[in-house]
Amino acid sequence: MKDLKAFRASCGAVIGVPDSAVRGLAQKIGAAKALGMLVLFMAAALAPLAVPTAASALSIGEGNNATGIAYEGYDHTLIFRWQTYGASGWDKEGVAGKYTTYSSPAIAETSSSTVIAYEGSDHSLIFRWQAYGSSTWNREVVAGSHSAYSAPSMAEGNNANGIAVEGPDHSLDFYWQTYGAVQWNEEVVAGPGSANSAPSVAEVGGNIVAIGQTTYHYNDIYVEGPDHSLVDWWQGASGGPWRQLGIAGNGTTYSAPAVVEINETSFLGTPAYELHGRVRRAGE
């Protein structure tokens, strides 16, 4: 009663508010205070878990007796973490500083180095590499401003690195560099309106290919095409024009495809992509 009287006094009893109304209002305010205290408590408890660490999807690579992970970090940084096989701890390295990275990176392992590709500032395409045993990340500009409009996909071939990326106006571009060379070579795989997702590539039999109904004598790239279709763009290993193969028709594909190499066979794996809420494999 003492609390109720004090509360009535603070509300101004002179206006003649009934005790039942004052009591109900006091109970509501008490519940609100309790809820507010609970919210503050939970926020304080969860604060350590809310520290930003990754701002993009992760990319994972295997090589040099370790597992490596690359991702876009806080303030558009690029982070690399690695763990030696059998170890329990993860080591961390900053690959690129603030405001350098604007997509999920792609990571691969060559015979002598770890390589990472990503979309840089102003839609540029950037390539980083670190020799095994070194602490230095080297930087190369694959393509300048207004060149990259998706996360890149990268694969290691017999004697070259290959990168596929969605280009301006939903085009599809392919870049490759021979090991030891400085120059990056560009090929326009498909023109405007052809690519509606990040592409995906994989390596097999010494050539850069993507999964599909092909042998390993081709360079292949999978991508979500117009009208939510799934398209395979392929090229003979000796070069020449890029050709289109429709894998799944309109209204079937609603995400970037993913491909993998398996045992260097003509079916290297199964590109999985979102199909009305379920995962579908090529050929279904």
Protein backbone atom coordinates (compact mmCIF):
# COMPACT_ATOMS: atom_id res chain seq x y z
CA MET A 1 0.00 0.00 0.00
CA LYS A 2 2.85 2.33 0.72
CA ASP A 3 4.15 1.96 -2.86
CA LEU A 4 0.65 2.51 -4.24
CA LYS A 5 0.18 5.66 -2.18
CA ALA A 6 3.54 6.99 -3.29
CA PHE A 7 2.72 6.22 -6.90
CA ARG A 8 -0.70 7.93 -6.59
CA ALA A 9 1.01 10.96 -5.11
CA SER A 10 3.49 11.11 -7.96
CA CYS A 11 0.62 10.89 -10.43
CA GLY A 12 -1.22 13.76 -8.73
CA ALA A 13 -4.03 12.51 -6.54
CA VAL A 14 -5.78 15.83 -6.79
CA ILE A 15 -7.22 14.86 -10.16
CA GLY A 16 -9.28 12.12 -8.49
CA VAL A 17 -7.98 9.02 -10.28
CA PRO A 18 -9.55 5.83 -8.81
CA ASP A 19 -7.31 3.45 -6.83
CA SER A 20 -8.03 0.58 -9.27
CA ALA A 21 -6.73 2.63 -12.21
CA VAL A 22 -3.63 3.70 -10.31
CA ARG A 23 -2.97 0.09 -9.25
CA GLY A 24 -3.26 -1.18 -12.87
CA LEU A 25 -0.94 1.51 -14.19
CA ALA A 26 1.62 0.74 -11.49
CA GLN A 27 1.56 -2.94 -12.39
CA LYS A 28 2.10 -2.15 -16.08
CA ILE A 29 5.03 0.15 -15.37
CA GLY A 30 6.54 -2.46 -13.04
CA ALA A 31 6.30 -5.11 -15.77
CA ALA A 32 7.83 -2.74 -18.31
CA LYS A 33 10.75 -2.02 -15.95
CA ALA A 34 11.29 -5.74 -15.41
CA LEU A 35 11.26 -6.39 -19.15
CA GLY A 36 13.66 -3.53 -19.75
CA MET A 37 16.07 -4.88 -17.13
CA LEU A 38 15.88 -8.34 -18.74
CA VAL A 39 16.65 -6.88 -22.16
CA LEU A 40 19.66 -5.00 -20.78
CA PHE A 41 20.89 -8.14 -19.03
CA MET A 42 20.62 -10.26 -22.17
CA ALA A 43 22.33 -7.59 -24.26
CA ALA A 44 25.25 -7.48 -21.83
CA ALA A 45 25.50 -11.27 -21.78
CA LEU A 46 25.47 -11.59 -25.57
CA ALA A 47 27.67 -8.60 -26.32
CA PRO A 48 30.91 -10.65 -26.61
CA LEU A 49 29.22 -12.84 -29.23
CA ALA A 50 28.11 -9.89 -31.32
CA VAL A 51 31.55 -8.57 -32.22
CA PRO A 52 31.70 -8.45 -36.05
CA THR A 53 34.13 -10.98 -37.50
CA ALA A 54 32.93 -12.07 -40.94
CA ALA A 55 30.97 -9.93 -43.40
CA SER A 56 30.76 -12.48 -46.20
CA ALA A 57 30.49 -16.17 -46.89
CA LEU A 58 33.64 -18.16 -46.19
CA SER A 59 35.89 -19.78 -48.78
CA ILE A 60 37.88 -22.86 -47.77
CA GLY A 61 41.00 -24.35 -49.32
CA GLU A 62 43.20 -27.36 -48.60
CA GLY A 63 46.95 -27.47 -49.11
CA ASN A 64 50.46 -27.40 -47.62
CA ASN A 65 49.42 -29.65 -44.71
CA ALA A 66 46.75 -27.22 -43.53
CA THR A 67 43.19 -26.00 -43.98
CA GLY A 68 42.80 -22.36 -44.99
CA ILE A 69 39.77 -20.07 -44.74
CA ALA A 70 39.37 -16.66 -46.36
CA TYR A 71 36.54 -14.20 -45.74
CA GLU A 72 35.60 -10.53 -45.85
CA GLY A 73 36.08 -9.07 -42.40
CA TYR A 74 34.89 -5.99 -40.56
CA ASP A 75 35.16 -2.70 -42.50
CA HIS A 76 35.67 -4.60 -45.77
CA THR A 77 38.99 -6.14 -44.74
CA LEU A 78 40.27 -9.49 -46.04
CA ILE A 79 41.11 -12.14 -43.46
CA PHE A 80 42.88 -15.48 -43.80
CA ARG A 81 42.82 -18.16 -41.09
CA TRP A 82 44.63 -21.46 -41.22
CA GLN A 83 45.04 -24.56 -39.12
CA THR A 84 47.72 -27.21 -39.48
CA TYR A 85 46.34 -30.72 -39.74
CA GLY A 86 46.06 -32.23 -36.27
CA ALA A 87 46.27 -28.89 -34.49
CA SER A 88 43.51 -27.34 -32.38
CA GLY A 89 44.21 -23.63 -32.83
CA TRP A 90 43.51 -21.33 -35.78
CA ASP A 91 46.10 -18.78 -36.86
CA LYS A 92 44.94 -15.45 -38.29
CA GLU A 93 46.48 -13.13 -40.87
CA GLY A 94 45.22 -9.85 -42.25
CA VAL A 95 45.56 -10.08 -46.03
CA ALA A 96 44.18 -6.64 -46.96
CA GLY A 97 43.19 -3.63 -44.87
CA LYS A 98 40.02 -1.58 -44.51
CA TYR A 99 37.81 -0.83 -47.49
CA THR A 100 39.60 -3.19 -49.85
CA THR A 101 37.23 -6.16 -50.09
CA TYR A 102 33.65 -6.12 -51.37
CA SER A 103 32.71 -9.75 -51.99
CA SER A 104 33.19 -13.24 -50.69
CA PRO A 105 36.72 -14.23 -51.71
CA ALA A 106 37.74 -17.30 -53.67
CA ILE A 107 40.71 -19.31 -52.39
CA ALA A 108 42.85 -22.00 -53.99
CA GLU A 109 46.15 -23.75 -53.38
CA THR A 110 48.88 -24.13 -55.98
CA SER A 111 51.97 -26.29 -55.66
CA SER A 112 53.86 -23.40 -54.07
CA SER A 113 51.42 -20.81 -52.74
CA THR A 114 47.99 -19.87 -51.41
CA VAL A 115 46.01 -17.65 -53.79
CA ILE A 116 42.91 -15.53 -53.15
CA ALA A 117 40.73 -13.55 -55.57
CA TYR A 118 38.02 -11.05 -54.62
CA GLU A 119 36.07 -8.01 -55.77
CA GLY A 120 37.94 -4.88 -54.77
CA SER A 121 36.95 -1.23 -54.57
CA ASP A 122 35.07 0.28 -57.53
CA HIS A 123 34.21 -3.20 -58.80
CA SER A 124 37.82 -4.13 -59.54
CA LEU A 125 39.12 -7.70 -59.48
CA ILE A 126 42.08 -8.36 -57.18
CA PHE A 127 44.40 -11.37 -56.84
CA ARG A 128 46.56 -12.04 -53.78
CA TRP A 129 49.13 -14.77 -53.31
CA GLN A 130 51.46 -15.92 -50.56
CA ALA A 131 54.31 -18.38 -51.04
CA TYR A 132 54.33 -21.25 -48.56
CA GLY A 133 56.47 -20.32 -45.57
CA SER A 134 56.24 -16.58 -46.28
CA SER A 135 54.32 -13.97 -44.29
CA THR A 136 53.91 -11.57 -47.23
CA TRP A 137 50.72 -11.31 -49.27
CA ASN A 138 51.43 -10.07 -52.78
CA ARG A 139 48.80 -8.07 -54.68
CA GLU A 140 47.94 -8.05 -58.37
CA VAL A 141 45.17 -6.17 -60.17
CA VAL A 142 43.47 -8.65 -62.50
CA ALA A 143 40.99 -6.10 -63.86
CA GLY A 144 40.41 -2.43 -63.07
CA SER A 145 37.34 -0.45 -62.03
CA HIS A 146 33.88 -1.52 -63.19
CA SER A 147 34.99 -5.04 -64.10
CA ALA A 148 33.67 -7.32 -61.35
CA TYR A 149 30.07 -7.47 -60.15
CA SER A 150 30.00 -10.72 -58.17
CA ALA A 151 32.13 -12.89 -55.99
CA PRO A 152 34.74 -14.52 -58.23
CA SER A 153 35.31 -18.26 -58.64
CA MET A 154 38.86 -19.49 -59.02
CA ALA A 155 40.55 -22.75 -59.98
CA GLU A 156 44.10 -23.96 -60.42
CA GLY A 157 44.89 -25.58 -63.75
CA ASN A 158 47.87 -27.48 -65.09
CA ASN A 159 49.99 -24.36 -65.56
CA ALA A 160 47.65 -21.43 -64.90
CA ASN A 161 45.19 -19.84 -62.51
CA GLY A 162 41.72 -19.12 -63.88
CA ILE A 163 39.11 -16.73 -62.48
CA ALA A 164 35.48 -16.41 -63.57
CA VAL A 165 33.33 -13.45 -62.52
CA GLU A 166 30.14 -11.68 -63.45
CA GLY A 167 31.08 -8.61 -65.45
CA PRO A 168 29.30 -5.35 -66.33
CA ASP A 169 25.63 -5.57 -67.37
CA HIS A 170 25.40 -9.20 -66.25
CA SER A 171 28.06 -10.40 -68.66
CA LEU A 172 30.35 -13.35 -67.89
CA ASP A 173 34.14 -12.91 -67.96
CA PHE A 174 37.07 -15.28 -67.61
CA TYR A 175 40.63 -14.28 -66.66
CA TRP A 176 43.70 -16.51 -66.69
CA GLN A 177 47.39 -16.18 -65.94
CA THR A 178 50.15 -18.66 -66.70
CA TYR A 179 52.29 -19.55 -63.69
CA GLY A 180 55.25 -17.20 -63.43
CA ALA A 181 53.73 -14.63 -65.77
CA VAL A 182 52.70 -11.08 -64.87
CA GLN A 183 49.93 -10.50 -67.39
CA TRP A 184 46.32 -11.48 -66.82
CA ASN A 185 44.42 -12.41 -69.98
CA GLU A 186 40.71 -11.60 -70.33
CA GLU A 187 38.08 -13.47 -72.31
CA VAL A 188 34.43 -12.42 -72.61
CA VAL A 189 32.55 -15.67 -72.19
CA ALA A 190 29.04 -14.27 -72.66
CA GLY A 191 27.66 -10.80 -73.29
CA PRO A 192 25.22 -8.58 -71.37
CA GLY A 193 22.23 -10.27 -69.78
CA SER A 194 23.88 -13.69 -69.65
CA ALA A 195 24.89 -14.03 -65.99
CA ASN A 196 22.62 -13.52 -63.00
CA SER A 197 24.80 -15.01 -60.27
CA ALA A 198 28.38 -15.54 -59.30
CA PRO A 199 29.84 -18.24 -61.59
CA SER A 200 31.54 -21.44 -60.46
CA VAL A 201 34.53 -23.32 -61.86
CA ALA A 202 36.69 -26.27 -60.85
CA GLU A 203 39.89 -27.91 -62.06
CA VAL A 204 40.37 -31.43 -63.43
CA GLY A 205 42.84 -33.27 -65.63
CA GLY A 206 45.11 -30.27 -65.90
CA ASN A 207 42.43 -27.98 -67.31
CA ILE A 208 40.15 -25.45 -65.66
CA VAL A 209 36.63 -26.84 -65.92
CA ALA A 210 33.30 -26.83 -64.12
CA ILE A 211 31.16 -29.80 -63.31
CA GLY A 212 28.88 -31.08 -66.05
CA GLN A 213 28.34 -33.55 -68.83
CA THR A 214 31.72 -32.90 -70.42
CA THR A 215 35.10 -34.55 -70.59
CA TYR A 216 38.13 -32.91 -69.05
CA HIS A 217 39.28 -31.50 -72.40
CA TYR A 218 37.21 -28.37 -71.91
CA ASN A 219 37.13 -25.16 -69.93
CA ASP A 220 33.64 -24.92 -68.40
CA ILE A 221 31.84 -22.30 -66.32
CA TYR A 222 28.43 -22.72 -64.70
CA VAL A 223 26.21 -19.73 -63.93
CA GLU A 224 22.60 -18.82 -63.30
CA GLY A 225 21.40 -17.56 -66.66
CA PRO A 226 18.40 -15.53 -67.82
CA ASP A 227 14.98 -16.35 -66.38
CA HIS A 228 16.50 -18.42 -63.57
CA SER A 229 18.00 -21.03 -65.86
CA LEU A 230 21.24 -22.98 -65.31
CA VAL A 231 23.79 -22.55 -68.08
CA ASP A 232 27.13 -24.20 -68.85
CA TRP A 233 29.57 -22.17 -70.96
CA TRP A 234 32.38 -24.33 -72.34
CA GLN A 235 35.45 -23.90 -74.48
CA GLY A 236 37.91 -26.37 -75.94
CA ALA A 237 41.13 -26.63 -73.98
CA SER A 238 43.04 -25.18 -76.94
CA GLY A 239 40.91 -22.03 -76.87
CA GLY A 240 38.44 -20.76 -79.43
CA PRO A 241 34.85 -19.59 -79.00
CA TRP A 242 32.81 -20.21 -75.87
CA ARG A 243 29.73 -22.35 -76.46
CA GLN A 244 26.52 -22.53 -74.45
CA LEU A 245 24.90 -25.65 -73.05
CA GLY A 246 21.58 -25.38 -71.22
CA ILE A 247 21.51 -27.61 -68.14
CA ALA A 248 18.19 -26.63 -66.59
CA GLY A 249 15.42 -24.50 -68.07
CA ASN A 250 13.63 -21.34 -67.00
CA GLY A 251 12.40 -21.10 -63.43
CA THR A 252 14.74 -23.77 -62.07
CA THR A 253 17.75 -21.96 -60.59
CA TYR A 254 17.69 -19.31 -57.88
CA SER A 255 21.27 -19.13 -56.59
CA ALA A 256 24.88 -19.31 -57.67
CA PRO A 257 25.86 -22.89 -58.57
CA ALA A 258 28.66 -24.75 -56.80
CA VAL A 259 30.98 -27.28 -58.45
CA VAL A 260 33.68 -29.67 -57.30
CA GLU A 261 36.27 -31.99 -58.79
CA ILE A 262 35.91 -35.73 -58.16
CA ASN A 263 38.40 -38.29 -59.45
CA GLU A 264 39.05 -36.57 -62.79
CA THR A 265 36.10 -38.19 -64.51
CA SER A 266 33.71 -36.74 -67.07
CA PHE A 267 31.25 -36.17 -64.21
CA LEU A 268 33.60 -34.40 -61.86
CA GLY A 269 30.89 -33.77 -59.33
CA THR A 270 27.39 -32.45 -58.98
CA PRO A 271 26.70 -28.73 -59.05
CA ALA A 272 24.15 -28.05 -56.36
CA TYR A 273 21.87 -25.06 -56.58
CA GLU A 274 18.65 -23.85 -55.02
CA LEU A 275 15.56 -25.23 -56.77
CA HIS A 276 12.32 -24.05 -55.17
CA GLY A 277 13.71 -24.71 -51.71
CA ARG A 278 15.54 -27.99 -52.35
CA VAL A 279 18.96 -29.00 -53.61
CA ARG A 280 19.17 -30.36 -57.11
CA ARG A 281 22.00 -32.17 -58.87
CA ALA A 282 22.89 -31.78 -62.52
CA GLY A 283 20.96 -34.23 -64.63
CA GLU A 284 17.84 -34.27 -62.41
